[in-house]
Amino acid sequence: MTAITIPRFKESTDSLLRFAMRADAVLTGLAGIAGVPLAGWLAEISGTTKTFEYAMAAFFIGYGVVVFGLAALPKVRTAGIVVIAANVAYTVAAVVFVLSGWMPLTTLGIVGSLATGVYTLVFAELQYQGVRRIKA
């Protein structure tokens, strides 16, 4: 007889990281899916272009799919560190995007861009706490 053992929830040390990665993946993916039909409106109120909004929507959908897949790996610590780095990089990129003046952003565009940076920074922190809980 073959026995399959599954660690109990209390014994698992990677559950916070997996949860944070899955939540990040789902929310980001849903934002991307919502961004496709709203690209024209988002471009109009933010000061970006439709092409930029479509590209961001595609990026968000792809990011969501990849991170959700990474959260399912048997050992998630290294993948979690990569996702944390990606989230921090996105936060920095959002600030640089606003400060560079590359596009003539409206006030809503500035607030929205910085809000996405805050979102990714919050998830980076949550994921970092999840990595710290993993017993090496």
N, C-alpha and C. Protein backbone atom coordinates (compact mmCIF):
# COMPACT_ATOMS: atom_id res chain seq x y z
N MET A 1 0.84 -1.18 0.00
CA MET A 1 0.00 0.00 0.00
C MET A 1 0.88 1.24 0.00
N THR A 2 0.50 2.21 -0.78
CA THR A 2 1.26 3.45 -0.89
C THR A 2 0.56 4.54 -0.09
N ALA A 3 1.35 5.23 0.69
CA ALA A 3 0.79 6.33 1.48
C ALA A 3 1.27 7.65 0.90
N ILE A 4 0.35 8.56 0.77
CA ILE A 4 0.69 9.90 0.31
C ILE A 4 0.58 10.81 1.52
N THR A 5 1.66 11.49 1.80
CA THR A 5 1.64 12.39 2.95
C THR A 5 1.59 13.84 2.47
N ILE A 6 0.73 14.58 3.08
CA ILE A 6 0.58 16.00 2.78
C ILE A 6 0.83 16.75 4.07
N PRO A 7 1.74 17.73 4.05
CA PRO A 7 2.00 18.46 5.29
C PRO A 7 0.75 19.20 5.76
N ARG A 8 0.54 19.18 7.03
CA ARG A 8 -0.59 19.91 7.59
C ARG A 8 -0.34 21.40 7.44
N PHE A 9 -1.43 22.14 7.43
CA PHE A 9 -1.33 23.58 7.25
C PHE A 9 -0.41 24.21 8.30
N LYS A 10 -0.54 23.79 9.54
CA LYS A 10 0.28 24.37 10.60
C LYS A 10 1.75 23.98 10.47
N GLU A 11 2.02 22.87 9.81
CA GLU A 11 3.40 22.43 9.62
C GLU A 11 4.05 23.07 8.41
N SER A 12 3.26 23.60 7.52
CA SER A 12 3.78 24.21 6.31
C SER A 12 4.36 25.58 6.64
N THR A 13 5.55 25.85 6.14
CA THR A 13 6.17 27.14 6.39
C THR A 13 6.13 28.04 5.16
N ASP A 14 5.61 27.52 4.04
CA ASP A 14 5.58 28.33 2.83
C ASP A 14 4.18 28.81 2.45
N SER A 15 3.21 28.60 3.33
CA SER A 15 1.83 28.94 2.98
C SER A 15 1.62 30.44 2.79
N LEU A 16 2.25 31.28 3.59
CA LEU A 16 2.09 32.73 3.42
C LEU A 16 2.65 33.17 2.07
N LEU A 17 3.81 32.68 1.72
CA LEU A 17 4.41 33.05 0.44
C LEU A 17 3.54 32.58 -0.72
N ARG A 18 3.07 31.34 -0.66
CA ARG A 18 2.21 30.84 -1.73
C ARG A 18 0.93 31.67 -1.84
N PHE A 19 0.34 31.98 -0.69
CA PHE A 19 -0.88 32.80 -0.69
C PHE A 19 -0.62 34.17 -1.30
N ALA A 20 0.47 34.82 -0.88
CA ALA A 20 0.79 36.16 -1.38
C ALA A 20 1.07 36.14 -2.88
N MET A 21 1.76 35.11 -3.34
CA MET A 21 2.04 35.01 -4.77
C MET A 21 0.76 34.76 -5.56
N ARG A 22 -0.11 33.89 -5.07
CA ARG A 22 -1.36 33.61 -5.78
C ARG A 22 -2.27 34.83 -5.78
N ALA A 23 -2.36 35.51 -4.65
CA ALA A 23 -3.20 36.72 -4.58
C ALA A 23 -2.67 37.78 -5.55
N ASP A 24 -1.37 37.98 -5.56
CA ASP A 24 -0.74 38.93 -6.48
C ASP A 24 -1.04 38.54 -7.92
N ALA A 25 -0.90 37.27 -8.24
CA ALA A 25 -1.13 36.78 -9.60
C ALA A 25 -2.58 36.99 -10.03
N VAL A 26 -3.50 36.64 -9.17
CA VAL A 26 -4.92 36.76 -9.52
C VAL A 26 -5.33 38.22 -9.68
N LEU A 27 -4.96 39.07 -8.72
CA LEU A 27 -5.35 40.48 -8.80
C LEU A 27 -4.71 41.18 -10.00
N THR A 28 -3.45 40.89 -10.25
CA THR A 28 -2.77 41.50 -11.38
C THR A 28 -3.36 41.00 -12.70
N GLY A 29 -3.61 39.69 -12.78
CA GLY A 29 -4.23 39.14 -13.98
C GLY A 29 -5.62 39.71 -14.25
N LEU A 30 -6.41 39.86 -13.19
CA LEU A 30 -7.75 40.45 -13.35
C LEU A 30 -7.66 41.91 -13.80
N ALA A 31 -6.68 42.64 -13.27
CA ALA A 31 -6.48 44.02 -13.71
C ALA A 31 -6.14 44.06 -15.19
N GLY A 32 -5.33 43.12 -15.64
CA GLY A 32 -4.98 43.04 -17.06
C GLY A 32 -6.19 42.71 -17.92
N ILE A 33 -6.99 41.77 -17.47
CA ILE A 33 -8.19 41.40 -18.22
C ILE A 33 -9.16 42.58 -18.29
N ALA A 34 -9.31 43.30 -17.19
CA ALA A 34 -10.18 44.48 -17.18
C ALA A 34 -9.60 45.59 -18.05
N GLY A 35 -8.28 45.65 -18.14
CA GLY A 35 -7.64 46.71 -18.91
C GLY A 35 -7.82 46.60 -20.41
N VAL A 36 -8.08 45.42 -20.91
CA VAL A 36 -8.23 45.25 -22.36
C VAL A 36 -9.44 46.02 -22.89
N PRO A 37 -10.64 45.81 -22.38
CA PRO A 37 -11.77 46.58 -22.92
C PRO A 37 -11.77 48.05 -22.49
N LEU A 38 -11.04 48.36 -21.43
CA LEU A 38 -11.02 49.74 -20.92
C LEU A 38 -9.82 50.54 -21.41
N ALA A 39 -9.03 50.01 -22.32
CA ALA A 39 -7.77 50.65 -22.73
C ALA A 39 -7.99 52.07 -23.25
N GLY A 40 -8.98 52.27 -24.08
CA GLY A 40 -9.24 53.60 -24.62
C GLY A 40 -9.60 54.60 -23.54
N TRP A 41 -10.48 54.20 -22.66
CA TRP A 41 -10.89 55.07 -21.56
C TRP A 41 -9.73 55.35 -20.61
N LEU A 42 -8.96 54.31 -20.27
CA LEU A 42 -7.79 54.50 -19.40
C LEU A 42 -6.78 55.45 -20.02
N ALA A 43 -6.54 55.32 -21.32
CA ALA A 43 -5.61 56.20 -22.01
C ALA A 43 -6.09 57.65 -21.96
N GLU A 44 -7.38 57.81 -22.15
CA GLU A 44 -7.96 59.16 -22.16
C GLU A 44 -7.84 59.85 -20.79
N ILE A 45 -8.14 59.12 -19.73
CA ILE A 45 -8.13 59.77 -18.40
C ILE A 45 -6.75 59.84 -17.77
N SER A 46 -5.81 59.03 -18.28
CA SER A 46 -4.48 59.00 -17.66
C SER A 46 -3.42 59.78 -18.42
N GLY A 47 -3.66 60.04 -19.69
CA GLY A 47 -2.67 60.74 -20.49
C GLY A 47 -1.71 59.81 -21.22
N THR A 48 -1.97 58.54 -21.19
CA THR A 48 -1.14 57.57 -21.91
C THR A 48 -1.76 57.34 -23.29
N THR A 49 -1.31 56.31 -23.97
CA THR A 49 -1.88 55.96 -25.27
C THR A 49 -2.61 54.61 -25.17
N LYS A 50 -3.46 54.34 -26.15
CA LYS A 50 -4.15 53.05 -26.17
C LYS A 50 -3.14 51.91 -26.29
N THR A 51 -2.12 52.11 -27.09
CA THR A 51 -1.10 51.09 -27.28
C THR A 51 -0.42 50.77 -25.96
N PHE A 52 -0.09 51.79 -25.21
CA PHE A 52 0.54 51.60 -23.90
C PHE A 52 -0.39 50.82 -22.98
N GLU A 53 -1.65 51.18 -22.95
CA GLU A 53 -2.61 50.50 -22.08
C GLU A 53 -2.81 49.05 -22.48
N TYR A 54 -2.86 48.78 -23.78
CA TYR A 54 -2.96 47.39 -24.23
C TYR A 54 -1.71 46.59 -23.85
N ALA A 55 -0.56 47.22 -23.99
CA ALA A 55 0.70 46.55 -23.62
C ALA A 55 0.73 46.25 -22.12
N MET A 56 0.30 47.19 -21.31
CA MET A 56 0.29 46.97 -19.86
C MET A 56 -0.71 45.86 -19.50
N ALA A 57 -1.86 45.86 -20.15
CA ALA A 57 -2.85 44.82 -19.89
C ALA A 57 -2.27 43.44 -20.23
N ALA A 58 -1.60 43.35 -21.37
CA ALA A 58 -0.99 42.08 -21.77
C ALA A 58 0.10 41.67 -20.78
N PHE A 59 0.89 42.63 -20.36
CA PHE A 59 1.94 42.35 -19.37
C PHE A 59 1.32 41.84 -18.07
N PHE A 60 0.28 42.50 -17.59
CA PHE A 60 -0.37 42.09 -16.34
C PHE A 60 -0.94 40.68 -16.45
N ILE A 61 -1.56 40.36 -17.57
CA ILE A 61 -2.11 39.02 -17.76
C ILE A 61 -0.98 37.99 -17.77
N GLY A 62 0.06 38.26 -18.53
CA GLY A 62 1.20 37.34 -18.58
C GLY A 62 1.87 37.17 -17.23
N TYR A 63 2.07 38.28 -16.52
CA TYR A 63 2.68 38.24 -15.19
C TYR A 63 1.82 37.37 -14.26
N GLY A 64 0.52 37.57 -14.32
CA GLY A 64 -0.39 36.80 -13.47
C GLY A 64 -0.29 35.30 -13.72
N VAL A 65 -0.24 34.93 -14.97
CA VAL A 65 -0.14 33.51 -15.33
C VAL A 65 1.19 32.93 -14.85
N VAL A 66 2.27 33.65 -15.08
CA VAL A 66 3.59 33.15 -14.68
C VAL A 66 3.70 33.03 -13.17
N VAL A 67 3.28 34.05 -12.44
CA VAL A 67 3.41 34.01 -10.97
C VAL A 67 2.50 32.94 -10.38
N PHE A 68 1.32 32.76 -10.94
CA PHE A 68 0.44 31.71 -10.44
C PHE A 68 1.09 30.34 -10.63
N GLY A 69 1.74 30.16 -11.77
CA GLY A 69 2.46 28.91 -12.02
C GLY A 69 3.63 28.73 -11.06
N LEU A 70 4.37 29.81 -10.80
CA LEU A 70 5.50 29.72 -9.87
C LEU A 70 5.05 29.38 -8.46
N ALA A 71 3.88 29.85 -8.07
CA ALA A 71 3.37 29.57 -6.73
C ALA A 71 3.05 28.09 -6.53
N ALA A 72 2.92 27.35 -7.62
CA ALA A 72 2.60 25.93 -7.53
C ALA A 72 3.83 25.03 -7.49
N LEU A 73 5.01 25.62 -7.61
CA LEU A 73 6.23 24.81 -7.57
C LEU A 73 6.38 24.11 -6.22
N PRO A 74 6.98 22.92 -6.21
CA PRO A 74 7.17 22.22 -4.93
C PRO A 74 8.00 23.02 -3.93
N LYS A 75 9.05 23.66 -4.42
CA LYS A 75 9.87 24.53 -3.57
C LYS A 75 9.73 25.94 -4.11
N VAL A 76 9.10 26.78 -3.34
CA VAL A 76 8.67 28.09 -3.83
C VAL A 76 9.58 29.24 -3.38
N ARG A 77 10.55 28.97 -2.53
CA ARG A 77 11.36 30.04 -1.96
C ARG A 77 12.10 30.85 -3.03
N THR A 78 12.82 30.20 -3.91
CA THR A 78 13.59 30.91 -4.94
C THR A 78 12.66 31.68 -5.88
N ALA A 79 11.57 31.05 -6.27
CA ALA A 79 10.60 31.73 -7.13
C ALA A 79 10.03 32.95 -6.41
N GLY A 80 9.79 32.82 -5.12
CA GLY A 80 9.29 33.95 -4.34
C GLY A 80 10.26 35.11 -4.33
N ILE A 81 11.53 34.82 -4.21
CA ILE A 81 12.55 35.87 -4.22
C ILE A 81 12.57 36.58 -5.57
N VAL A 82 12.41 35.82 -6.65
CA VAL A 82 12.37 36.41 -7.99
C VAL A 82 11.14 37.31 -8.13
N VAL A 83 10.01 36.87 -7.63
CA VAL A 83 8.78 37.67 -7.71
C VAL A 83 8.92 38.93 -6.86
N ILE A 84 9.54 38.82 -5.71
CA ILE A 84 9.77 40.01 -4.87
C ILE A 84 10.62 41.02 -5.65
N ALA A 85 11.68 40.54 -6.27
CA ALA A 85 12.55 41.43 -7.05
C ALA A 85 11.77 42.07 -8.20
N ALA A 86 10.92 41.31 -8.85
CA ALA A 86 10.11 41.86 -9.95
C ALA A 86 9.15 42.93 -9.43
N ASN A 87 8.55 42.69 -8.27
CA ASN A 87 7.64 43.68 -7.70
C ASN A 87 8.37 44.96 -7.32
N VAL A 88 9.54 44.83 -6.73
CA VAL A 88 10.32 46.01 -6.36
C VAL A 88 10.74 46.76 -7.63
N ALA A 89 11.16 46.03 -8.64
CA ALA A 89 11.56 46.65 -9.90
C ALA A 89 10.39 47.40 -10.53
N TYR A 90 9.19 46.83 -10.45
CA TYR A 90 8.02 47.51 -11.00
C TYR A 90 7.73 48.79 -10.22
N THR A 91 7.89 48.74 -8.91
CA THR A 91 7.67 49.93 -8.09
C THR A 91 8.62 51.05 -8.51
N VAL A 92 9.89 50.71 -8.66
CA VAL A 92 10.89 51.69 -9.09
C VAL A 92 10.53 52.21 -10.49
N ALA A 93 10.14 51.32 -11.38
CA ALA A 93 9.79 51.72 -12.74
C ALA A 93 8.57 52.65 -12.75
N ALA A 94 7.60 52.42 -11.87
CA ALA A 94 6.42 53.28 -11.81
C ALA A 94 6.82 54.70 -11.38
N VAL A 95 7.71 54.80 -10.41
CA VAL A 95 8.17 56.12 -9.96
C VAL A 95 8.97 56.81 -11.06
N VAL A 96 9.86 56.06 -11.70
CA VAL A 96 10.66 56.63 -12.80
C VAL A 96 9.74 57.06 -13.95
N PHE A 97 8.73 56.27 -14.24
CA PHE A 97 7.76 56.60 -15.30
C PHE A 97 7.10 57.95 -15.04
N VAL A 98 6.69 58.15 -13.80
CA VAL A 98 6.03 59.41 -13.44
C VAL A 98 7.02 60.58 -13.49
N LEU A 99 8.20 60.38 -12.91
CA LEU A 99 9.17 61.47 -12.82
C LEU A 99 9.81 61.82 -14.16
N SER A 100 9.88 60.87 -15.07
CA SER A 100 10.58 61.10 -16.35
C SER A 100 9.82 62.04 -17.27
N GLY A 101 8.51 62.10 -17.13
CA GLY A 101 7.73 62.93 -18.04
C GLY A 101 7.65 62.35 -19.44
N TRP A 102 7.88 61.06 -19.57
CA TRP A 102 7.87 60.38 -20.87
C TRP A 102 6.52 60.55 -21.57
N MET A 103 5.44 60.52 -20.80
CA MET A 103 4.11 60.73 -21.35
C MET A 103 3.48 61.89 -20.57
N PRO A 104 2.61 62.63 -21.24
CA PRO A 104 1.96 63.76 -20.54
C PRO A 104 0.83 63.28 -19.63
N LEU A 105 1.21 62.74 -18.48
CA LEU A 105 0.22 62.16 -17.58
C LEU A 105 -0.68 63.23 -16.96
N THR A 106 -1.94 62.86 -16.83
CA THR A 106 -2.87 63.71 -16.09
C THR A 106 -2.69 63.43 -14.60
N THR A 107 -3.40 64.17 -13.77
CA THR A 107 -3.33 63.92 -12.34
C THR A 107 -3.76 62.49 -12.02
N LEU A 108 -4.82 62.04 -12.69
CA LEU A 108 -5.27 60.65 -12.48
C LEU A 108 -4.22 59.66 -12.98
N GLY A 109 -3.53 60.00 -14.04
CA GLY A 109 -2.47 59.13 -14.55
C GLY A 109 -1.31 59.01 -13.56
N ILE A 110 -0.95 60.13 -12.95
CA ILE A 110 0.12 60.12 -11.95
C ILE A 110 -0.30 59.30 -10.74
N VAL A 111 -1.50 59.57 -10.24
CA VAL A 111 -2.00 58.85 -9.06
C VAL A 111 -2.13 57.36 -9.36
N GLY A 112 -2.66 57.04 -10.52
CA GLY A 112 -2.82 55.62 -10.89
C GLY A 112 -1.49 54.90 -11.03
N SER A 113 -0.53 55.55 -11.65
CA SER A 113 0.79 54.94 -11.81
C SER A 113 1.46 54.72 -10.47
N LEU A 114 1.41 55.72 -9.61
CA LEU A 114 2.02 55.58 -8.29
C LEU A 114 1.26 54.57 -7.43
N ALA A 115 -0.05 54.48 -7.63
CA ALA A 115 -0.84 53.49 -6.88
C ALA A 115 -0.44 52.07 -7.26
N THR A 116 -0.15 51.84 -8.55
CA THR A 116 0.31 50.51 -8.94
C THR A 116 1.67 50.21 -8.31
N GLY A 117 2.49 51.24 -8.18
CA GLY A 117 3.78 51.06 -7.52
C GLY A 117 3.63 50.71 -6.05
N VAL A 118 2.68 51.35 -5.39
CA VAL A 118 2.41 51.03 -3.98
C VAL A 118 1.87 49.61 -3.86
N TYR A 119 0.97 49.23 -4.76
CA TYR A 119 0.41 47.88 -4.78
C TYR A 119 1.53 46.84 -4.86
N THR A 120 2.45 47.03 -5.80
CA THR A 120 3.51 46.04 -5.97
C THR A 120 4.46 46.04 -4.78
N LEU A 121 4.67 47.20 -4.18
CA LEU A 121 5.54 47.26 -2.99
C LEU A 121 4.90 46.55 -1.81
N VAL A 122 3.59 46.69 -1.65
CA VAL A 122 2.87 45.99 -0.56
C VAL A 122 2.98 44.48 -0.77
N PHE A 123 2.78 44.03 -1.99
CA PHE A 123 2.90 42.59 -2.25
C PHE A 123 4.34 42.11 -2.09
N ALA A 124 5.30 42.93 -2.45
CA ALA A 124 6.71 42.55 -2.25
C ALA A 124 6.98 42.35 -0.77
N GLU A 125 6.46 43.22 0.06
CA GLU A 125 6.65 43.09 1.52
C GLU A 125 5.96 41.83 2.05
N LEU A 126 4.74 41.60 1.62
CA LEU A 126 4.02 40.40 2.07
C LEU A 126 4.76 39.14 1.63
N GLN A 127 5.24 39.13 0.41
CA GLN A 127 5.99 37.97 -0.09
C GLN A 127 7.32 37.83 0.64
N TYR A 128 7.94 38.95 0.96
CA TYR A 128 9.20 38.89 1.73
C TYR A 128 8.95 38.27 3.10
N GLN A 129 7.87 38.64 3.74
CA GLN A 129 7.54 38.03 5.03
C GLN A 129 7.30 36.52 4.86
N GLY A 130 6.69 36.14 3.73
CA GLY A 130 6.49 34.73 3.45
C GLY A 130 7.79 33.98 3.25
N VAL A 131 8.75 34.61 2.58
CA VAL A 131 10.07 33.98 2.39
C VAL A 131 10.77 33.81 3.74
N ARG A 132 10.67 34.82 4.57
CA ARG A 132 11.33 34.75 5.89
C ARG A 132 10.77 33.64 6.77
N ARG A 133 9.50 33.29 6.58
CA ARG A 133 8.90 32.22 7.39
C ARG A 133 9.30 30.82 6.97
N ILE A 134 9.83 30.70 5.76
CA ILE A 134 10.20 29.37 5.27
C ILE A 134 11.43 28.89 6.01
N LYS A 135 11.33 27.70 6.52
CA LYS A 135 12.48 27.07 7.20
C LYS A 135 13.41 26.52 6.13
N ALA A 136 14.63 26.96 6.16
CA ALA A 136 15.60 26.56 5.12
C ALA A 136 16.01 25.11 5.21
